[in-house]
Amino acid sequence: MKLIHKKIAIVIAASALALTACSSDSSSSDAASGDAIAGVNSLEGIPVTVGSKDFDEGLVLGEMLVQAFGAAGADVTNQVGLGGTGVARTALTSGEIDVYPEYNGTGWAVHLEQEDPSFNSEELTANVKQMDFDKNQIVWIGRSPFNNTYGFVSSPEVTEANGGPFTTQSFMEYVRDNPDALVCMETEFPDRPDGLILTETATGIEMPDAQVSILDTGVIYTETASNNCTFGEVYTTDGRIPALGLTLVDDPGINILYNVSATMRAQTYDQAPDQFEAIVAAILQPLDNVKMAELNKRVSADGEEASVVANSYLVEQGIISG
């Protein structure tokens, strides 16, 4: 599906363009923040196939890239919503797509199979960026302020009965001491190196298989709110958490950081590195946890299309014209 191009608005604030470009020879170079604006809409004729994962936040972020790159003149093919992590990454490394949004924690633990990640978001992204380029010729562009890490939630009733929010330790102790307690998780989480194992290791408590129920990601929220799941594994910036009155389990820093970047094949990036850096920076820099959760809620709770939500955000930020 080809995107009908809009004219990109050259009104992006210079402060949004504090860029650190990664050249194809893996050395770092500074992109000029002010001068980059003049070249923002010069992706004319560059073919870019944009993909994403198939959950709400991935869809919204993918649509932002589709529309912003298209507005800048790129010949965009929309492959947003490809599937899970493995599907999206394989599509990127095989050349089926040129770019998709990915998280620094996932890059480190899953794609690069590394341990002991940094808990400094800037350092973690820098480490992933260098290693993924060296090994796979994949460039990581930009970094969001928001951190959409894994978490657990409880319903209003379960939270009230506990006397307030659970901590990670008290949540796992509750599951251990109450054999009827059911923890609902998505398919990947129990087996990911950055998933359940981190909580089990930190608390010293192993989750019994009999108390785990595997559900589709979206169903976990409603089933937890309905008390069919005692606890649910979630993404912490998901808009359904406030919409359904769910309460996050207090994580003292067990889960890996998940700030998002655009991950792009170097062959595509090298055609217009400053332009790609400028556009992605303008998209990501305003996205803190509150803003991302607000956009996610419009899709997951309010039923808006991801493409509509992405468009309104890009117009609001002055990245594309209305």
C-alpha atoms as a PDB file:
ATOM      1  CA  MET A   1       0.000   0.000   0.000  1.00  0.00           C
ATOM      2  CA  LYS A   2       1.505   3.316  -1.069  1.00  0.00           C
ATOM      3  CA  LEU A   3       1.089   6.427   1.011  1.00  0.00           C
ATOM      4  CA  ILE A   4      -0.245   9.587  -0.637  1.00  0.00           C
ATOM      5  CA  HIS A   5       2.366  12.180   0.242  1.00  0.00           C
ATOM      6  CA  LYS A   6       1.676  15.365   2.147  1.00  0.00           C
ATOM      7  CA  LYS A   7       4.016  18.313   2.179  1.00  0.00           C
ATOM      8  CA  ILE A   8       6.022  18.205   5.400  1.00  0.00           C
ATOM      9  CA  ALA A   9       5.840  21.367   7.450  1.00  0.00           C
ATOM     10  CA  ILE A  10       9.217  23.028   7.925  1.00  0.00           C
ATOM     11  CA  VAL A  11       8.247  24.280  11.333  1.00  0.00           C
ATOM     12  CA  ILE A  12       9.969  21.677  13.491  1.00  0.00           C
ATOM     13  CA  ALA A  13      11.572  23.401  16.438  1.00  0.00           C
ATOM     14  CA  ALA A  14      15.338  23.448  16.335  1.00  0.00           C
ATOM     15  CA  SER A  15      15.380  22.261  19.935  1.00  0.00           C
ATOM     16  CA  ALA A  16      13.768  19.005  18.806  1.00  0.00           C
ATOM     17  CA  LEU A  17      16.667  18.239  16.548  1.00  0.00           C
ATOM     18  CA  ALA A  18      19.551  17.583  18.918  1.00  0.00           C
ATOM     19  CA  LEU A  19      20.889  14.779  16.804  1.00  0.00           C
ATOM     20  CA  THR A  20      23.623  12.207  17.077  1.00  0.00           C
ATOM     21  CA  ALA A  21      24.065  10.627  13.668  1.00  0.00           C
ATOM     22  CA  CYS A  22      25.599   7.205  13.133  1.00  0.00           C
ATOM     23  CA  SER A  23      27.460   6.940   9.837  1.00  0.00           C
ATOM     24  CA  SER A  24      27.752   3.742   7.860  1.00  0.00           C
ATOM     25  CA  ASP A  25      31.377   3.311   8.926  1.00  0.00           C
ATOM     26  CA  SER A  26      30.080   3.091  12.538  1.00  0.00           C
ATOM     27  CA  SER A  27      31.765   6.312  13.588  1.00  0.00           C
ATOM     28  CA  SER A  28      29.645   8.989  15.252  1.00  0.00           C
ATOM     29  CA  SER A  29      29.114  12.360  13.632  1.00  0.00           C
ATOM     30  CA  ASP A  30      27.146  15.354  14.836  1.00  0.00           C
ATOM     31  CA  ALA A  31      24.232  16.464  12.710  1.00  0.00           C
ATOM     32  CA  ALA A  32      23.719  20.207  12.748  1.00  0.00           C
ATOM     33  CA  SER A  33      20.529  20.854  14.699  1.00  0.00           C
ATOM     34  CA  GLY A  34      19.598  24.085  12.990  1.00  0.00           C
ATOM     35  CA  ASP A  35      20.804  23.326   9.475  1.00  0.00           C
ATOM     36  CA  ALA A  36      19.100  19.910   9.477  1.00  0.00           C
ATOM     37  CA  ILE A  37      15.690  21.576   9.285  1.00  0.00           C
ATOM     38  CA  ALA A  38      16.348  22.902   5.798  1.00  0.00           C
ATOM     39  CA  GLY A  39      16.822  19.381   4.518  1.00  0.00           C
ATOM     40  CA  VAL A  40      14.009  17.670   6.370  1.00  0.00           C
ATOM     41  CA  ASN A  41      11.727  17.360   3.337  1.00  0.00           C
ATOM     42  CA  SER A  42      14.351  15.947   0.999  1.00  0.00           C
ATOM     43  CA  LEU A  43      13.598  12.212   1.029  1.00  0.00           C
ATOM     44  CA  GLU A  44      12.170  12.649  -2.447  1.00  0.00           C
ATOM     45  CA  GLY A  45      12.244   9.422  -4.430  1.00  0.00           C
ATOM     46  CA  ILE A  46      13.847   7.289  -1.704  1.00  0.00           C
ATOM     47  CA  PRO A  47      11.944   3.992  -1.343  1.00  0.00           C
ATOM     48  CA  VAL A  48      11.235   3.123   2.300  1.00  0.00           C
ATOM     49  CA  THR A  49       9.221   0.124   3.467  1.00  0.00           C
ATOM     50  CA  VAL A  50       8.011   0.735   7.025  1.00  0.00           C
ATOM     51  CA  GLY A  51       7.015  -2.129   9.295  1.00  0.00           C
ATOM     52  CA  SER A  52       6.041  -2.481  12.928  1.00  0.00           C
ATOM     53  CA  LYS A  53       4.992  -4.976  15.524  1.00  0.00           C
ATOM     54  CA  ASP A  54       1.301  -5.724  15.789  1.00  0.00           C
ATOM     55  CA  PHE A  55       0.348  -4.257  19.177  1.00  0.00           C
ATOM     56  CA  ASP A  56      -1.236  -0.825  19.618  1.00  0.00           C
ATOM     57  CA  GLU A  57       1.881   1.179  20.472  1.00  0.00           C
ATOM     58  CA  GLY A  58       3.806  -0.453  17.641  1.00  0.00           C
ATOM     59  CA  LEU A  59       1.015   0.378  15.216  1.00  0.00           C
ATOM     60  CA  VAL A  60       0.884   4.035  16.299  1.00  0.00           C
ATOM     61  CA  LEU A  61       4.656   4.473  16.091  1.00  0.00           C
ATOM     62  CA  GLY A  62       4.807   2.667  12.755  1.00  0.00           C
ATOM     63  CA  GLU A  63       2.108   4.908  11.311  1.00  0.00           C
ATOM     64  CA  MET A  64       4.009   7.966  12.504  1.00  0.00           C
ATOM     65  CA  LEU A  65       7.034   6.844  10.481  1.00  0.00           C
ATOM     66  CA  VAL A  66       4.897   6.023   7.442  1.00  0.00           C
ATOM     67  CA  GLN A  67       3.229   9.411   7.395  1.00  0.00           C
ATOM     68  CA  ALA A  68       6.271  11.523   8.287  1.00  0.00           C
ATOM     69  CA  PHE A  69       8.575   9.838   5.769  1.00  0.00           C
ATOM     70  CA  GLY A  70       5.870  10.050   3.136  1.00  0.00           C
ATOM     71  CA  ALA A  71       5.309  13.711   3.835  1.00  0.00           C
ATOM     72  CA  ALA A  72       9.042  14.232   3.377  1.00  0.00           C
ATOM     73  CA  GLY A  73       8.818  12.819  -0.149  1.00  0.00           C
ATOM     74  CA  ALA A  74       9.851   9.201   0.367  1.00  0.00           C
ATOM     75  CA  ASP A  75       8.200   6.493  -1.702  1.00  0.00           C
ATOM     76  CA  VAL A  76       6.679   4.693   1.288  1.00  0.00           C
ATOM     77  CA  THR A  77       5.311   1.170   1.402  1.00  0.00           C
ATOM     78  CA  ASN A  78       3.222   0.524   4.513  1.00  0.00           C
ATOM     79  CA  GLN A  79       3.841  -2.842   6.183  1.00  0.00           C
ATOM     80  CA  VAL A  80       2.787  -1.727   9.671  1.00  0.00           C
ATOM     81  CA  GLY A  81       1.471  -4.523  11.900  1.00  0.00           C
ATOM     82  CA  LEU A  82       3.630  -7.366  10.589  1.00  0.00           C
ATOM     83  CA  GLY A  83       3.537  -9.510  13.738  1.00  0.00           C
ATOM     84  CA  GLY A  84       5.536 -10.081  16.894  1.00  0.00           C
ATOM     85  CA  THR A  85       9.124  -9.226  17.726  1.00  0.00           C
ATOM     86  CA  GLY A  86      10.715 -12.084  15.799  1.00  0.00           C
ATOM     87  CA  VAL A  87       8.650 -11.452  12.684  1.00  0.00           C
ATOM     88  CA  ALA A  88       9.458  -7.737  12.574  1.00  0.00           C
ATOM     89  CA  ARG A  89      13.158  -8.224  13.215  1.00  0.00           C
ATOM     90  CA  THR A  90      13.490 -10.960  10.593  1.00  0.00           C
ATOM     91  CA  ALA A  91      11.709  -8.740   8.074  1.00  0.00           C
ATOM     92  CA  LEU A  92      14.261  -6.001   8.786  1.00  0.00           C
ATOM     93  CA  THR A  93      17.399  -8.099   8.627  1.00  0.00           C
ATOM     94  CA  SER A  94      16.213  -9.917   5.488  1.00  0.00           C
ATOM     95  CA  GLY A  95      15.454  -6.650   3.667  1.00  0.00           C
ATOM     96  CA  GLU A  96      11.696  -7.230   3.481  1.00  0.00           C
ATOM     97  CA  ILE A  97      11.304  -3.904   5.295  1.00  0.00           C
ATOM     98  CA  ASP A  98      13.703  -0.975   5.739  1.00  0.00           C
ATOM     99  CA  VAL A  99      12.711   0.302   9.164  1.00  0.00           C
ATOM    100  CA  TYR A 100      10.544  -0.434  12.186  1.00  0.00           C
ATOM    101  CA  PRO A 101      10.286   0.872  15.779  1.00  0.00           C
ATOM    102  CA  GLU A 102      12.195  -1.240  18.310  1.00  0.00           C
ATOM    103  CA  TYR A 103      13.112  -1.036  21.992  1.00  0.00           C
ATOM    104  CA  ASN A 104      16.638  -0.812  23.371  1.00  0.00           C
ATOM    105  CA  GLY A 105      16.022  -3.543  25.959  1.00  0.00           C
ATOM    106  CA  THR A 106      14.727  -5.911  23.293  1.00  0.00           C
ATOM    107  CA  GLY A 107      17.670  -5.129  21.065  1.00  0.00           C
ATOM    108  CA  TRP A 108      20.144  -5.896  23.824  1.00  0.00           C
ATOM    109  CA  ALA A 109      18.610  -9.015  25.360  1.00  0.00           C
ATOM    110  CA  VAL A 110      16.777 -10.608  22.429  1.00  0.00           C
ATOM    111  CA  HIS A 111      18.339  -9.573  19.119  1.00  0.00           C
ATOM    112  CA  LEU A 112      21.931  -9.265  20.347  1.00  0.00           C
ATOM    113  CA  GLU A 113      21.611 -11.937  23.063  1.00  0.00           C
ATOM    114  CA  GLN A 114      23.505  -9.925  25.647  1.00  0.00           C
ATOM    115  CA  GLU A 115      23.271 -10.001  29.435  1.00  0.00           C
ATOM    116  CA  ASP A 116      23.641  -7.363  32.158  1.00  0.00           C
ATOM    117  CA  PRO A 117      22.089  -4.406  30.332  1.00  0.00           C
ATOM    118  CA  SER A 118      22.743  -0.863  31.432  1.00  0.00           C
ATOM    119  CA  PHE A 119      19.922   0.738  33.404  1.00  0.00           C
ATOM    120  CA  ASN A 120      20.858   4.124  31.951  1.00  0.00           C
ATOM    121  CA  SER A 121      18.680   4.607  28.876  1.00  0.00           C
ATOM    122  CA  GLU A 122      21.204   6.699  26.945  1.00  0.00           C
ATOM    123  CA  GLU A 123      24.008   4.237  27.608  1.00  0.00           C
ATOM    124  CA  LEU A 124      21.856   1.203  26.780  1.00  0.00           C
ATOM    125  CA  THR A 125      20.806   2.664  23.432  1.00  0.00           C
ATOM    126  CA  ALA A 126      24.402   3.640  22.627  1.00  0.00           C
ATOM    127  CA  ASN A 127      25.591   0.115  23.380  1.00  0.00           C
ATOM    128  CA  VAL A 128      22.866  -1.490  21.271  1.00  0.00           C
ATOM    129  CA  LYS A 129      23.425   0.987  18.454  1.00  0.00           C
ATOM    130  CA  GLN A 130      27.130   0.255  18.203  1.00  0.00           C
ATOM    131  CA  MET A 131      26.820  -3.527  18.443  1.00  0.00           C
ATOM    132  CA  ASP A 132      23.869  -3.882  16.058  1.00  0.00           C
ATOM    133  CA  PHE A 133      25.624  -1.793  13.452  1.00  0.00           C
ATOM    134  CA  ASP A 134      28.861  -3.722  13.771  1.00  0.00           C
ATOM    135  CA  LYS A 135      27.148  -7.109  13.603  1.00  0.00           C
ATOM    136  CA  ASN A 136      24.145  -6.518  11.364  1.00  0.00           C
ATOM    137  CA  GLN A 137      24.450  -3.132   9.622  1.00  0.00           C
ATOM    138  CA  ILE A 138      21.315  -1.950  11.458  1.00  0.00           C
ATOM    139  CA  VAL A 139      21.212   1.713  12.525  1.00  0.00           C
ATOM    140  CA  TRP A 140      19.318   2.818  15.639  1.00  0.00           C
ATOM    141  CA  ILE A 141      17.871   6.315  15.131  1.00  0.00           C
ATOM    142  CA  GLY A 142      16.750   8.512  18.016  1.00  0.00           C
ATOM    143  CA  ARG A 143      15.522   7.484  21.465  1.00  0.00           C
ATOM    144  CA  SER A 144      12.182   8.161  23.117  1.00  0.00           C
ATOM    145  CA  PRO A 145      11.918   9.603  26.633  1.00  0.00           C
ATOM    146  CA  PHE A 146       9.178   7.070  27.409  1.00  0.00           C
ATOM    147  CA  ASN A 147      10.139   3.671  28.809  1.00  0.00           C
ATOM    148  CA  ASN A 148       7.544   1.040  27.934  1.00  0.00           C
ATOM    149  CA  THR A 149       8.870  -1.737  30.073  1.00  0.00           C
ATOM    150  CA  TYR A 150       7.095  -4.882  31.170  1.00  0.00           C
ATOM    151  CA  GLY A 151       5.000  -4.782  34.326  1.00  0.00           C
ATOM    152  CA  PHE A 152       2.186  -6.457  36.203  1.00  0.00           C
ATOM    153  CA  VAL A 153      -1.186  -5.000  37.175  1.00  0.00           C
ATOM    154  CA  SER A 154      -3.975  -5.854  39.577  1.00  0.00           C
ATOM    155  CA  SER A 155      -7.670  -4.959  39.441  1.00  0.00           C
ATOM    156  CA  PRO A 156      -9.246  -2.289  41.679  1.00  0.00           C
ATOM    157  CA  GLU A 157     -10.737  -5.002  43.889  1.00  0.00           C
ATOM    158  CA  VAL A 158      -7.498  -6.970  44.307  1.00  0.00           C
ATOM    159  CA  THR A 159      -5.553  -3.767  44.944  1.00  0.00           C
ATOM    160  CA  GLU A 160      -8.051  -2.582  47.556  1.00  0.00           C
ATOM    161  CA  ALA A 161      -8.008  -5.957  49.312  1.00  0.00           C
ATOM    162  CA  ASN A 162      -4.219  -5.669  49.514  1.00  0.00           C
ATOM    163  CA  GLY A 163      -4.475  -2.245  51.108  1.00  0.00           C
ATOM    164  CA  GLY A 164      -2.831  -0.560  48.129  1.00  0.00           C
ATOM    165  CA  PRO A 165      -0.441  -1.362  45.291  1.00  0.00           C
ATOM    166  CA  PHE A 166       1.650  -4.514  45.428  1.00  0.00           C
ATOM    167  CA  THR A 167       5.415  -4.436  45.194  1.00  0.00           C
ATOM    168  CA  THR A 168       7.122  -6.981  42.959  1.00  0.00           C
ATOM    169  CA  GLN A 169       8.132  -8.954  46.050  1.00  0.00           C
ATOM    170  CA  SER A 170       4.679  -8.925  47.655  1.00  0.00           C
ATOM    171  CA  PHE A 171       3.037  -9.790  44.328  1.00  0.00           C
ATOM    172  CA  MET A 172       5.194 -12.895  43.937  1.00  0.00           C
ATOM    173  CA  GLU A 173       4.684 -13.838  47.585  1.00  0.00           C
ATOM    174  CA  TYR A 174       0.926 -13.531  47.094  1.00  0.00           C
ATOM    175  CA  VAL A 175       1.058 -15.870  44.102  1.00  0.00           C
ATOM    176  CA  ARG A 176       3.207 -18.339  46.056  1.00  0.00           C
ATOM    177  CA  ASP A 177       0.880 -18.294  49.071  1.00  0.00           C
ATOM    178  CA  ASN A 178      -2.399 -18.413  47.125  1.00  0.00           C
ATOM    179  CA  PRO A 179      -2.536 -21.419  44.766  1.00  0.00           C
ATOM    180  CA  ASP A 180      -5.776 -20.146  43.228  1.00  0.00           C
ATOM    181  CA  ALA A 181      -4.123 -16.911  42.108  1.00  0.00           C
ATOM    182  CA  LEU A 182      -3.812 -16.762  38.322  1.00  0.00           C
ATOM    183  CA  VAL A 183      -1.240 -14.648  36.473  1.00  0.00           C
ATOM    184  CA  CYS A 184      -2.100 -13.931  32.838  1.00  0.00           C
ATOM    185  CA  MET A 185       0.744 -13.379  30.384  1.00  0.00           C
ATOM    186  CA  GLU A 186       1.267 -13.036  26.656  1.00  0.00           C
ATOM    187  CA  THR A 187       2.895 -15.835  24.678  1.00  0.00           C
ATOM    188  CA  GLU A 188       6.480 -14.519  24.603  1.00  0.00           C
ATOM    189  CA  PHE A 189       6.865 -13.370  28.200  1.00  0.00           C
ATOM    190  CA  PRO A 190       7.553 -16.628  30.107  1.00  0.00           C
ATOM    191  CA  ASP A 191      10.394 -17.605  27.759  1.00  0.00           C
ATOM    192  CA  ARG A 192      12.017 -14.253  26.953  1.00  0.00           C
ATOM    193  CA  PRO A 193      15.415 -13.607  28.549  1.00  0.00           C
ATOM    194  CA  ASP A 194      14.072 -10.172  29.523  1.00  0.00           C
ATOM    195  CA  GLY A 195      10.722 -11.555  30.710  1.00  0.00           C
ATOM    196  CA  LEU A 196       9.480 -13.537  33.696  1.00  0.00           C
ATOM    197  CA  ILE A 197      12.937 -14.844  34.601  1.00  0.00           C
ATOM    198  CA  LEU A 198      13.986 -11.376  35.793  1.00  0.00           C
ATOM    199  CA  THR A 199      11.124 -11.208  38.296  1.00  0.00           C
ATOM    200  CA  GLU A 200      11.728 -14.770  39.487  1.00  0.00           C
ATOM    201  CA  THR A 201      15.442 -14.149  39.948  1.00  0.00           C
ATOM    202  CA  ALA A 202      14.981 -10.842  41.776  1.00  0.00           C
ATOM    203  CA  THR A 203      12.382 -12.188  44.205  1.00  0.00           C
ATOM    204  CA  GLY A 204      13.734 -15.717  44.610  1.00  0.00           C
ATOM    205  CA  ILE A 205      10.270 -17.128  43.866  1.00  0.00           C
ATOM    206  CA  GLU A 206       9.475 -19.309  40.863  1.00  0.00           C
ATOM    207  CA  MET A 207       6.097 -18.878  39.187  1.00  0.00           C
ATOM    208  CA  PRO A 208       4.240 -22.243  39.126  1.00  0.00           C
ATOM    209  CA  ASP A 209       3.191 -23.244  35.602  1.00  0.00           C
ATOM    210  CA  ALA A 210      -0.270 -24.141  36.907  1.00  0.00           C
ATOM    211  CA  GLN A 211      -0.813 -20.502  37.915  1.00  0.00           C
ATOM    212  CA  VAL A 212       0.098 -19.062  34.518  1.00  0.00           C
ATOM    213  CA  SER A 213      -2.510 -18.468  31.816  1.00  0.00           C
ATOM    214  CA  ILE A 214      -1.385 -17.468  28.307  1.00  0.00           C
ATOM    215  CA  LEU A 215      -3.694 -14.949  26.635  1.00  0.00           C
ATOM    216  CA  ASP A 216      -3.575 -12.525  23.730  1.00  0.00           C
ATOM    217  CA  THR A 217      -2.030  -9.234  24.813  1.00  0.00           C
ATOM    218  CA  GLY A 218      -5.208  -7.168  24.617  1.00  0.00           C
ATOM    219  CA  VAL A 219      -7.323  -9.687  26.502  1.00  0.00           C
ATOM    220  CA  ILE A 220      -5.052  -9.594  29.543  1.00  0.00           C
ATOM    221  CA  TYR A 221      -6.184  -6.087  30.470  1.00  0.00           C
ATOM    222  CA  THR A 222      -9.918  -6.785  30.373  1.00  0.00           C
ATOM    223  CA  GLU A 223      -9.594 -10.191  32.039  1.00  0.00           C
ATOM    224  CA  THR A 224      -7.584  -8.675  34.884  1.00  0.00           C
ATOM    225  CA  ALA A 225     -10.096  -5.852  35.281  1.00  0.00           C
ATOM    226  CA  SER A 226     -12.851  -8.497  35.439  1.00  0.00           C
ATOM    227  CA  ASN A 227     -10.889 -10.464  38.080  1.00  0.00           C
ATOM    228  CA  ASN A 228     -10.589 -13.523  35.857  1.00  0.00           C
ATOM    229  CA  CYS A 229      -6.841 -12.940  36.173  1.00  0.00           C
ATOM    230  CA  THR A 230      -5.524 -12.046  39.620  1.00  0.00           C
ATOM    231  CA  PHE A 231      -2.589 -10.286  37.991  1.00  0.00           C
ATOM    232  CA  GLY A 232      -1.842  -9.436  34.381  1.00  0.00           C
ATOM    233  CA  GLU A 233       1.456  -8.886  32.563  1.00  0.00           C
ATOM    234  CA  VAL A 234       1.280  -5.616  30.656  1.00  0.00           C
ATOM    235  CA  TYR A 235       3.198  -2.852  28.921  1.00  0.00           C
ATOM    236  CA  THR A 236       3.537   0.059  31.326  1.00  0.00           C
ATOM    237  CA  THR A 237       2.586   2.786  28.813  1.00  0.00           C
ATOM    238  CA  ASP A 238      -0.579   0.997  27.675  1.00  0.00           C
ATOM    239  CA  GLY A 239      -3.608   3.286  27.773  1.00  0.00           C
ATOM    240  CA  ARG A 240      -5.869   0.530  29.065  1.00  0.00           C
ATOM    241  CA  ILE A 241      -4.194   0.653  32.474  1.00  0.00           C
ATOM    242  CA  PRO A 242      -5.764   3.993  33.477  1.00  0.00           C
ATOM    243  CA  ALA A 243      -8.865   3.382  31.357  1.00  0.00           C
ATOM    244  CA  LEU A 244      -9.738   0.204  33.291  1.00  0.00           C
ATOM    245  CA  GLY A 245      -8.577   1.425  36.679  1.00  0.00           C
ATOM    246  CA  LEU A 246      -5.770  -1.116  36.886  1.00  0.00           C
ATOM    247  CA  THR A 247      -2.850  -0.560  39.269  1.00  0.00           C
ATOM    248  CA  LEU A 248       0.756  -1.255  38.354  1.00  0.00           C
ATOM    249  CA  VAL A 249       2.809  -3.436  40.662  1.00  0.00           C
ATOM    250  CA  ASP A 250       5.619  -1.250  41.987  1.00  0.00           C
ATOM    251  CA  ASP A 251       8.829  -2.319  40.225  1.00  0.00           C
ATOM    252  CA  PRO A 252      12.021  -1.217  42.017  1.00  0.00           C
ATOM    253  CA  GLY A 253      13.996  -1.487  38.772  1.00  0.00           C
ATOM    254  CA  ILE A 254      13.915  -5.194  37.999  1.00  0.00           C
ATOM    255  CA  ASN A 255      12.707  -4.943  34.428  1.00  0.00           C
ATOM    256  CA  ILE A 256      14.981  -3.839  31.617  1.00  0.00           C
ATOM    257  CA  LEU A 257      14.554  -0.394  30.043  1.00  0.00           C
ATOM    258  CA  TYR A 258      12.510  -0.146  26.851  1.00  0.00           C
ATOM    259  CA  ASN A 259      12.980   3.204  25.155  1.00  0.00           C
ATOM    260  CA  VAL A 260      12.074   3.120  21.487  1.00  0.00           C
ATOM    261  CA  SER A 261      14.161   4.002  18.437  1.00  0.00           C
ATOM    262  CA  ALA A 262      13.663   3.603  14.713  1.00  0.00           C
ATOM    263  CA  THR A 263      15.809   0.676  13.575  1.00  0.00           C
ATOM    264  CA  MET A 264      16.807   0.992   9.930  1.00  0.00           C
ATOM    265  CA  ARG A 265      18.924  -0.900   7.427  1.00  0.00           C
ATOM    266  CA  ALA A 266      22.176   1.027   6.848  1.00  0.00           C
ATOM    267  CA  GLN A 267      21.686   0.796   3.085  1.00  0.00           C
ATOM    268  CA  THR A 268      18.512   2.868   3.409  1.00  0.00           C
ATOM    269  CA  TYR A 269      19.813   5.177   6.145  1.00  0.00           C
ATOM    270  CA  ASP A 270      22.900   6.144   4.148  1.00  0.00           C
ATOM    271  CA  GLN A 271      20.764   7.676   1.395  1.00  0.00           C
ATOM    272  CA  ALA A 272      19.717  10.572   3.679  1.00  0.00           C
ATOM    273  CA  PRO A 273      21.145  10.186   7.211  1.00  0.00           C
ATOM    274  CA  ASP A 274      20.603  13.755   8.403  1.00  0.00           C
ATOM    275  CA  GLN A 275      17.022  13.779   7.159  1.00  0.00           C
ATOM    276  CA  PHE A 276      16.136  10.471   8.790  1.00  0.00           C
ATOM    277  CA  GLU A 277      17.760  11.587  12.055  1.00  0.00           C
ATOM    278  CA  ALA A 278      15.867  14.904  12.044  1.00  0.00           C
ATOM    279  CA  ILE A 279      12.467  13.402  11.315  1.00  0.00           C
ATOM    280  CA  VAL A 280      12.765  10.595  13.863  1.00  0.00           C
ATOM    281  CA  ALA A 281      14.046  13.003  16.535  1.00  0.00           C
ATOM    282  CA  ALA A 282      11.073  15.311  15.954  1.00  0.00           C
ATOM    283  CA  ILE A 283       8.688  12.366  16.319  1.00  0.00           C
ATOM    284  CA  LEU A 284      10.203  10.746  19.399  1.00  0.00           C
ATOM    285  CA  GLN A 285      11.439  13.580  21.584  1.00  0.00           C
ATOM    286  CA  PRO A 286       7.968  14.759  22.790  1.00  0.00           C
ATOM    287  CA  LEU A 287       6.891  11.197  23.649  1.00  0.00           C
ATOM    288  CA  ASP A 288       7.167  10.819  27.412  1.00  0.00           C
ATOM    289  CA  ASN A 289       5.272   8.103  29.311  1.00  0.00           C
ATOM    290  CA  VAL A 290       2.191  10.259  29.813  1.00  0.00           C
ATOM    291  CA  LYS A 291       1.926  11.289  26.160  1.00  0.00           C
ATOM    292  CA  MET A 292       2.516   7.775  24.829  1.00  0.00           C
ATOM    293  CA  ALA A 293      -0.075   6.308  27.198  1.00  0.00           C
ATOM    294  CA  GLU A 294      -2.548   8.972  26.062  1.00  0.00           C
ATOM    295  CA  LEU A 295      -2.024   8.057  22.397  1.00  0.00           C
ATOM    296  CA  ASN A 296      -2.219   4.337  23.166  1.00  0.00           C
ATOM    297  CA  LYS A 297      -5.504   4.838  25.061  1.00  0.00           C
ATOM    298  CA  ARG A 298      -7.073   6.444  22.009  1.00  0.00           C
ATOM    299  CA  VAL A 299      -6.468   3.194  20.117  1.00  0.00           C
ATOM    300  CA  SER A 300      -6.885   0.492  22.757  1.00  0.00           C
ATOM    301  CA  ALA A 301      -9.700   2.007  24.846  1.00  0.00           C
ATOM    302  CA  ASP A 302     -11.382   4.583  22.608  1.00  0.00           C
ATOM    303  CA  GLY A 303     -11.305   2.562  19.391  1.00  0.00           C
ATOM    304  CA  GLU A 304      -9.596   5.072  17.106  1.00  0.00           C
ATOM    305  CA  GLU A 305      -7.508   3.843  14.199  1.00  0.00           C
ATOM    306  CA  ALA A 306      -3.753   3.942  14.782  1.00  0.00           C
ATOM    307  CA  SER A 307      -3.280   5.876  11.544  1.00  0.00           C
ATOM    308  CA  VAL A 308      -5.696   8.584  12.729  1.00  0.00           C
ATOM    309  CA  VAL A 309      -4.016   8.894  16.119  1.00  0.00           C
ATOM    310  CA  ALA A 310      -0.583   9.088  14.486  1.00  0.00           C
ATOM    311  CA  ASN A 311      -1.747  11.752  12.055  1.00  0.00           C
ATOM    312  CA  SER A 312      -3.230  13.974  14.768  1.00  0.00           C
ATOM    313  CA  TYR A 313      -0.001  13.743  16.782  1.00  0.00           C
ATOM    314  CA  LEU A 314       2.199  14.640  13.794  1.00  0.00           C
ATOM    315  CA  VAL A 315      -0.001  17.629  12.977  1.00  0.00           C
ATOM    316  CA  GLU A 316      -0.094  18.704  16.636  1.00  0.00           C
ATOM    317  CA  GLN A 317       3.698  18.631  16.796  1.00  0.00           C
ATOM    318  CA  GLY A 318       4.065  20.542  13.515  1.00  0.00           C
ATOM    319  CA  ILE A 319       5.843  17.642  11.829  1.00  0.00           C
ATOM    320  CA  ILE A 320       3.351  17.462   8.972  1.00  0.00           C
ATOM    321  CA  SER A 321       0.772  19.981   7.826  1.00  0.00           C
ATOM    322  CA  GLY A 322      -2.895  19.325   8.463  1.00  0.00           C
END
